[in-house]
Protein backbone atom coordinates (compact mmCIF):
# COMPACT_ATOMS: atom_id res chain seq x y z
CA MET A 1 94.83 114.70 89.07
CA ASN A 2 96.42 111.53 90.33
CA PHE A 3 96.41 110.64 93.84
CA THR A 4 99.32 108.56 95.14
CA LYS A 5 99.09 106.34 98.43
CA LYS A 6 100.97 109.21 100.22
CA ASP A 7 98.20 111.76 99.09
CA ILE A 8 95.48 109.43 100.09
CA LEU A 9 97.11 108.60 103.59
CA LYS A 10 97.54 112.31 104.21
CA ASN A 11 93.82 112.89 103.51
CA ILE A 12 92.84 109.87 105.90
CA THR A 13 95.36 111.06 108.60
CA ASP A 14 94.15 114.58 108.38
CA SER A 15 90.23 114.14 108.30
CA CYS A 16 90.36 111.20 110.97
CA SER A 17 93.03 112.57 113.35
CA LEU A 18 95.02 109.37 112.97
CA ASN A 19 98.72 109.04 112.99
CA ASN A 20 100.74 107.87 109.83
CA LYS A 21 101.29 104.38 111.32
CA ASP A 22 97.24 103.61 111.98
CA GLY A 23 96.36 105.54 108.62
CA GLY A 24 98.74 103.39 106.63
CA ARG A 25 97.24 100.17 108.20
CA LEU A 26 93.69 101.20 107.39
CA LEU A 27 94.56 101.91 103.70
CA GLU A 28 96.83 98.87 103.15
CA SER A 29 93.94 96.55 104.66
CA PHE A 30 91.34 98.47 102.55
CA LEU A 31 93.39 97.86 99.25
CA GLN A 32 94.17 94.18 100.11
CA LEU A 33 90.61 93.31 101.05
CA THR A 34 89.43 94.91 98.01
CA SER A 35 91.78 93.08 95.58
CA VAL A 36 91.51 89.94 97.05
CA ASN A 37 87.83 89.70 97.33
CA ALA A 38 87.34 91.02 93.95
CA LYS A 39 88.72 87.96 92.64
CA SER A 40 86.01 85.92 93.63
CA MET A 41 83.09 88.32 93.38
CA PRO A 42 82.41 92.33 92.70
CA VAL A 43 82.99 94.46 95.61
CA LYS A 44 80.44 96.96 95.97
CA ILE A 45 80.70 100.09 97.97
CA SER A 46 77.38 101.54 98.29
CA GLY A 47 77.28 105.35 97.16
CA PHE A 48 81.04 105.06 95.67
CA GLY A 49 81.32 102.21 93.11
CA SER A 50 82.23 98.52 92.50
CA PHE A 51 85.56 96.91 91.83
CA ILE A 52 85.64 93.87 89.77
CA TYR A 53 88.14 91.83 87.81
CA LYS A 54 87.67 91.77 84.11
CA THR A 55 89.40 89.23 81.60
CA THR A 56 90.72 91.11 78.47
CA PRO A 57 90.88 89.02 75.51
CA LYS A 58 94.04 87.95 74.08
CA ARG A 59 95.02 90.18 70.98
CA ILE A 60 97.59 91.08 68.31
CA GLY A 61 100.02 93.73 69.03
CA ARG A 62 102.62 95.28 66.85
CA ASN A 63 106.21 96.29 67.50
CA PRO A 64 106.30 99.98 66.69
CA ARG A 65 110.13 99.81 65.67
CA THR A 66 109.81 96.60 63.25
CA ASN A 67 106.12 96.60 62.92
CA GLU A 68 106.49 93.06 63.81
CA PRO A 69 102.99 91.43 65.00
CA TYR A 70 103.14 89.28 68.45
CA GLU A 71 100.33 88.16 70.72
CA ILE A 72 99.48 89.55 73.91
CA LYS A 73 97.98 87.16 76.09
CA SER A 74 94.97 87.13 77.78
CA PHE A 75 95.19 88.61 81.47
CA LYS A 76 92.89 89.80 84.23
CA ARG A 77 92.65 93.28 85.69
CA LEU A 78 91.06 94.91 88.27
CA VAL A 79 88.42 97.90 87.26
CA PHE A 80 86.60 100.52 89.30
CA ARG A 81 83.00 101.46 88.02
CA PRO A 82 81.91 104.33 89.95
CA SER A 83 78.29 104.28 91.34
CA SER A 84 75.46 106.90 89.82
CA ARG A 85 75.79 109.04 92.94
CA LEU A 86 79.46 109.49 92.55
CA LYS A 87 79.17 110.08 88.49
CA LYS A 88 76.40 113.14 89.69
CA LEU A 89 78.68 114.59 92.11
CA ILE A 90 81.59 114.72 89.95
CA ASN A 91 79.71 116.04 86.92
């Protein structure tokens, strides 16, 4: 099941009795704080998990039509690692 920002916003506004504007500000500020602060160090939320930037190594890709190899550059991506408490809740 995938959640969009709209789904998360609806859950926030329903459970906290906020209007859409305030709920949207809350969601956007959380996402911005997480992504900006995770660049310098892991963002850990107790009982939920941590957000870290992980560097993927450069690698060789292949065009499926022509089978021609090409280099995929190294890049950073934001990764979420759930806490053990969250894993137990899910399983």
